[in-house]
PDB file of N, CA and C in Angstrom:
ATOM      1  N   MET A   1      25.019 -11.877  -0.638  1.00  0.00           N
ATOM      2  CA  MET A   1      23.857 -12.082  -1.516  1.00  0.00           C
ATOM      3  C   MET A   1      22.553 -12.020  -0.711  1.00  0.00           C
ATOM      4  N   GLU A   2      22.591 -12.569   0.487  1.00  0.00           N
ATOM      5  CA  GLU A   2      21.395 -12.591   1.332  1.00  0.00           C
ATOM      6  C   GLU A   2      21.009 -11.179   1.794  1.00  0.00           C
ATOM      7  N   LYS A   3      22.019 -10.351   2.053  1.00  0.00           N
ATOM      8  CA  LYS A   3      21.775  -8.967   2.491  1.00  0.00           C
ATOM      9  C   LYS A   3      21.079  -8.158   1.398  1.00  0.00           C
ATOM     10  N   VAL A   4      21.486  -8.386   0.169  1.00  0.00           N
ATOM     11  CA  VAL A   4      20.883  -7.688  -0.977  1.00  0.00           C
ATOM     12  C   VAL A   4      19.414  -8.088  -1.117  1.00  0.00           C
ATOM     13  N   LYS A   5      19.140  -9.387  -0.960  1.00  0.00           N
ATOM     14  CA  LYS A   5      17.774  -9.909  -1.044  1.00  0.00           C
ATOM     15  C   LYS A   5      16.900  -9.308   0.061  1.00  0.00           C
ATOM     16  N   ASN A   6      17.458  -9.210   1.263  1.00  0.00           N
ATOM     17  CA  ASN A   6      16.728  -8.685   2.409  1.00  0.00           C
ATOM     18  C   ASN A   6      16.384  -7.211   2.219  1.00  0.00           C
ATOM     19  N   SER A   7      17.333  -6.413   1.735  1.00  0.00           N
ATOM     20  CA  SER A   7      17.096  -4.989   1.504  1.00  0.00           C
ATOM     21  C   SER A   7      16.052  -4.777   0.404  1.00  0.00           C
ATOM     22  N   LYS A   8      16.057  -5.647  -0.594  1.00  0.00           N
ATOM     23  CA  LYS A   8      15.051  -5.587  -1.674  1.00  0.00           C
ATOM     24  C   LYS A   8      13.668  -5.882  -1.107  1.00  0.00           C
ATOM     25  N   GLY A   9      13.594  -6.847  -0.209  1.00  0.00           N
ATOM     26  CA  GLY A   9      12.325  -7.206   0.433  1.00  0.00           C
ATOM     27  C   GLY A   9      11.779  -6.059   1.248  1.00  0.00           C
ATOM     28  N   ILE A  10      12.659  -5.385   2.002  1.00  0.00           N
ATOM     29  CA  ILE A  10      12.265  -4.234   2.823  1.00  0.00           C
ATOM     30  C   ILE A  10      11.755  -3.109   1.928  1.00  0.00           C
ATOM     31  N   THR A  11      12.455  -2.867   0.825  1.00  0.00           N
ATOM     32  CA  THR A  11      12.046  -1.829  -0.135  1.00  0.00           C
ATOM     33  C   THR A  11      10.674  -2.144  -0.718  1.00  0.00           C
ATOM     34  N   LEU A  12      10.441  -3.409  -1.029  1.00  0.00           N
ATOM     35  CA  LEU A  12       9.167  -3.848  -1.584  1.00  0.00           C
ATOM     36  C   LEU A  12       8.041  -3.659  -0.574  1.00  0.00           C
ATOM     37  N   ILE A  13       8.287  -4.033   0.686  1.00  0.00           N
ATOM     38  CA  ILE A  13       7.295  -3.855   1.758  1.00  0.00           C
ATOM     39  C   ILE A  13       6.977  -2.373   1.940  1.00  0.00           C
ATOM     40  N   ALA A  14       8.016  -1.535   1.957  1.00  0.00           N
ATOM     41  CA  ALA A  14       7.841  -0.090   2.091  1.00  0.00           C
ATOM     42  C   ALA A  14       7.007   0.480   0.941  1.00  0.00           C
ATOM     43  N   LEU A  15       7.254  -0.016  -0.264  1.00  0.00           N
ATOM     44  CA  LEU A  15       6.516   0.423  -1.450  1.00  0.00           C
ATOM     45  C   LEU A  15       5.038   0.044  -1.349  1.00  0.00           C
ATOM     46  N   VAL A  16       4.770  -1.191  -0.922  1.00  0.00           N
ATOM     47  CA  VAL A  16       3.392  -1.667  -0.743  1.00  0.00           C
ATOM     48  C   VAL A  16       2.671  -0.834   0.308  1.00  0.00           C
ATOM     49  N   ILE A  17       3.332  -0.546   1.438  1.00  0.00           N
ATOM     50  CA  ILE A  17       2.751   0.280   2.500  1.00  0.00           C
ATOM     51  C   ILE A  17       2.427   1.672   1.973  1.00  0.00           C
ATOM     52  N   THR A  18       3.348   2.247   1.199  1.00  0.00           N
ATOM     53  CA  THR A  18       3.141   3.574   0.605  1.00  0.00           C
ATOM     54  C   THR A  18       1.928   3.575  -0.313  1.00  0.00           C
ATOM     55  N   ILE A  19       1.783   2.535  -1.133  1.00  0.00           N
ATOM     56  CA  ILE A  19       0.644   2.403  -2.046  1.00  0.00           C
ATOM     57  C   ILE A  19      -0.661   2.294  -1.255  1.00  0.00           C
ATOM     58  N   ILE A  20      -0.663   1.460  -0.201  1.00  0.00           N
ATOM     59  CA  ILE A  20      -1.855   1.286   0.637  1.00  0.00           C
ATOM     60  C   ILE A  20      -2.261   2.614   1.283  1.00  0.00           C
ATOM     61  N   PHE A  21      -1.272   3.339   1.820  1.00  0.00           N
ATOM     62  CA  PHE A  21      -1.556   4.630   2.454  1.00  0.00           C
ATOM     63  C   PHE A  21      -2.073   5.649   1.448  1.00  0.00           C
ATOM     64  N   SER A  22      -1.515   5.692   0.243  1.00  0.00           N
ATOM     65  CA  SER A  22      -1.961   6.631  -0.791  1.00  0.00           C
ATOM     66  C   SER A  22      -3.399   6.316  -1.230  1.00  0.00           C
ATOM     67  N   TYR A  23      -3.732   5.011  -1.328  1.00  0.00           N
ATOM     68  CA  TYR A  23      -5.097   4.608  -1.653  1.00  0.00           C
ATOM     69  C   TYR A  23      -6.056   4.985  -0.534  1.00  0.00           C
ATOM     70  N   ASP A  24      -5.616   4.806   0.715  1.00  0.00           N
ATOM     71  CA  ASP A  24      -6.420   5.142   1.889  1.00  0.00           C
ATOM     72  C   ASP A  24      -6.729   6.635   1.918  1.00  0.00           C
ATOM     73  N   GLU A  25      -5.734   7.466   1.599  1.00  0.00           N
ATOM     74  CA  GLU A  25      -5.923   8.916   1.552  1.00  0.00           C
ATOM     75  C   GLU A  25      -6.900   9.304   0.441  1.00  0.00           C
ATOM     76  N   LYS A  26      -6.799   8.641  -0.706  1.00  0.00           N
ATOM     77  CA  LYS A  26      -7.719   8.898  -1.827  1.00  0.00           C
ATOM     78  C   LYS A  26      -9.150   8.529  -1.452  1.00  0.00           C
ATOM     79  N   LEU A  27      -9.303   7.422  -0.737  1.00  0.00           N
ATOM     80  CA  LEU A  27     -10.624   6.978  -0.298  1.00  0.00           C
ATOM     81  C   LEU A  27     -11.213   7.946   0.724  1.00  0.00           C
ATOM     82  N   LYS A  28     -10.373   8.471   1.609  1.00  0.00           N
ATOM     83  CA  LYS A  28     -10.817   9.441   2.613  1.00  0.00           C
ATOM     84  C   LYS A  28     -11.269  10.738   1.943  1.00  0.00           C
ATOM     85  N   CYS A  29     -10.520  11.145   0.912  1.00  0.00           N
ATOM     86  CA  CYS A  29     -10.840  12.374   0.189  1.00  0.00           C
ATOM     87  C   CYS A  29     -12.155  12.235  -0.585  1.00  0.00           C
ATOM     88  N   SER A  30     -12.328  11.116  -1.269  1.00  0.00           N
ATOM     89  CA  SER A  30     -13.547  10.875  -2.038  1.00  0.00           C
ATOM     90  C   SER A  30     -14.711  10.460  -1.136  1.00  0.00           C
ATOM     91  N   ASN A  31     -14.353   9.880   0.042  1.00  0.00           N
ATOM     92  CA  ASN A  31     -15.331   9.458   1.049  1.00  0.00           C
ATOM     93  C   ASN A  31     -16.329   8.451   0.472  1.00  0.00           C
ATOM     94  N   SER A  32     -15.812   7.498  -0.307  1.00  0.00           N
ATOM     95  CA  SER A  32     -16.674   6.478  -0.902  1.00  0.00           C
ATOM     96  C   SER A  32     -16.448   5.134  -0.212  1.00  0.00           C
ATOM     97  N   LYS A  33     -17.221   4.862   0.811  1.00  0.00           N
ATOM     98  CA  LYS A  33     -17.109   3.609   1.553  1.00  0.00           C
ATOM     99  C   LYS A  33     -17.592   2.426   0.713  1.00  0.00           C
ATOM    100  N   GLY A  34     -18.470   2.655  -0.195  1.00  0.00           N
ATOM    101  CA  GLY A  34     -18.970   1.637  -1.100  1.00  0.00           C
ATOM    102  C   GLY A  34     -17.862   1.057  -1.965  1.00  0.00           C
ATOM    103  N   PHE A  35     -16.952   1.926  -2.398  1.00  0.00           N
ATOM    104  CA  PHE A  35     -15.822   1.484  -3.227  1.00  0.00           C
ATOM    105  C   PHE A  35     -14.874   0.605  -2.398  1.00  0.00           C
ATOM    106  N   LEU A  36     -14.642   0.987  -1.145  1.00  0.00           N
ATOM    107  CA  LEU A  36     -13.773   0.210  -0.253  1.00  0.00           C
ATOM    108  C   LEU A  36     -14.362  -1.177  -0.020  1.00  0.00           C
ATOM    109  N   LEU A  37     -15.639  -1.259   0.180  1.00  0.00           N
ATOM    110  CA  LEU A  37     -16.316  -2.541   0.380  1.00  0.00           C
ATOM    111  C   LEU A  37     -16.274  -3.380  -0.906  1.00  0.00           C
ATOM    112  N   ALA A  38     -16.376  -2.726  -2.043  1.00  0.00           N
ATOM    113  CA  ALA A  38     -16.339  -3.422  -3.326  1.00  0.00           C
ATOM    114  C   ALA A  38     -14.978  -4.054  -3.595  1.00  0.00           C
ATOM    115  N   THR A  39     -13.889  -3.378  -3.142  1.00  0.00           N
ATOM    116  CA  THR A  39     -12.533  -3.896  -3.349  1.00  0.00           C
ATOM    117  C   THR A  39     -12.238  -5.084  -2.430  1.00  0.00           C
ATOM    118  N   ILE A  40     -12.896  -5.138  -1.280  1.00  0.00           N
ATOM    119  CA  ILE A  40     -12.717  -6.248  -0.327  1.00  0.00           C
ATOM    120  C   ILE A  40     -13.675  -7.368  -0.702  1.00  0.00           C
TER     121      ILE A  40
END
């Protein structure tokens, strides 16, 4: 049961990293630093 929970956690972390990277690429393409500052 613990192994299943751990693999789910890893998948979730990987998904979050993928989302962050995709947002970062979108920000680089649009080159809107103001939007990045607004989200922080």
